[in-house]
Amino acid sequence: MNPVSGLIDDLRPYQLDIGRAVLASVRGGKGLTFTVEIARQGGKNELSAWLEAWLLNEFVAEPLNIIKCAPTFEPQAMISMRRLRGLLDAMGYAGDYAVESGHIVRLHQARVVFLSAEPSANVVGNTAHLLLEVDEAQDVAIEKFDRDFRPMAAAMNATTVLYGTPWRDTDLLSTVGRRNLELEAADGLKRHFRYDWQAVAEHNPAYRAYVEGERLRLGENHPAFRSQYALLPASGGGGFFTDEQLIMMMGDYPRQRSPRPGAVYVGGLDFGGEGKTACDSTVFTIAEIVAPSESRLIRVVHHYAWTGLPFSLLLPKIVDITKGWGLRRLAADATGLGGPLCASLKQSLGHRIVPFVFTQGSKSGLGFNLLAAAGTGRLSLYTRDSSMECDEFWRQIEGAVADYSLGRTMNFYVDPTRAHDDYLMSLALCVEAAGRYKPRAAAGRVA
């Protein structure tokens, strides 16, 4: 009797369905390729470790390999290895398996080899005799998989399993998943397994409560929620904002020209150029935070914009506006030339200035936070008026687009042939400022 069978009751029905299909392919030498989409924290990694442990035990006396790769060696591949070791320990194999070369788990003759699927990783020469697994397949480059990993299954016609949650229509997981559905339609053999958060929640009420909270926090159309829980591509098509999000951002309050007594305000500042050659503007967005809490509302109440104004004249204006509105935080673009400008502002405004340096990662996070605020109805703009600032704001917001990349990152922008993106970035920085402001609990001076 396989000791892993004693743990079979811990698996949920959908995990068992996948496990049986994969084991049947391995035992029959069928060499099938499966795609497995399970909502985040739904048991994908548990299933993978269970399959590895089962096969190690079943083929313990034979010098055969399972290959498991992940987008990164540390932490992702190493987390998988530690999970397998924990399961083997629970099965009573604590003194029987060995860890070799820091990335191989061997139980007598059978082995699981953990590898990195990073583009620069040198993995050629490994053979998958029993099983080839790809963790977080949506983050593995198709070229890397086809060139370096797919051939590993050739010698023994090994079964392949790709795990993950979809990110782009063109990623590895989605591409192979579509092919699997076509094959299923042709021969009736199930190769694509998909269990979204609602399917997982049928077996775990606590999970349902958690994901419903995430839906409220992020919004149903947020890329993270779509990908990780609804098992849909991050983008639903169209622009950066959905039509629903654009409608929710339309406020029903007038533009403010001055602060209201007792109100809490933050700002976002995107620097443009100076002088006659300046193309984009410096845009300063002012927003009121209503009910400062975890679900705070961010109501944009005013815009300032300057094109070509020398920085020597601009910075004093920004200081005066910040003090006049009593801004609690002002997130400002500190990239490149923005660095010394922010440093100058900090001399006058102190801790209220939040310098923000744009990198691929930081801008991606900024965009996700902006979408979360827009998608949950927490972000709004004063009622449309006939001002140039309001018209340009909506031109950029409605024209914004996003590109989604490997590693669950994205870039958001406005096509430069259509408009600038200074109002869009200023808005995103304003949301960042709102997130950075934490009211003081104790009485005393204003934070």
Foldseek 3Di string as FASTA:
>chain_A
DQLLVVVVVVDDPLLVVVLVLQVVCLVVLVLAEFEEEEFPPLCPLVSVLSSVSRVCRVCVQAQAEEEEEEQAVPPPLVVSVVSNQVVCVVSVCVPQWDDPPNAWIHRRRYIYGYFHLHVPGDDAPAAHQAEYEYEQQQQHAPVSCVPGPPVNCPPNSYHYYYYHFAADCPGPSNVVLVVQVVVCVVPVRHRYHHAAQVNSCVVPVVSVVVLVVVCLQQPCLQLCNCGRGVRHHSDPDAALADPQLVVLQADAAAADPAADPPWAKEKFWEPWAAAPPTDAKIKIWMWTWDPQDSLTATETRDMDIDTRHDLVVVLVVVLCVCVRRVHQAYEYECEDVNVVSLVVNCVRVPPRYHYDYDDQVSQQVLSSLLSRCSNNSRHYYHHDDPDPVSVQLVQFVNQKHKDAHRPRGIHIAGDVVRHHCNSVNRVSSRSVSSVPDDADPDDDDGD
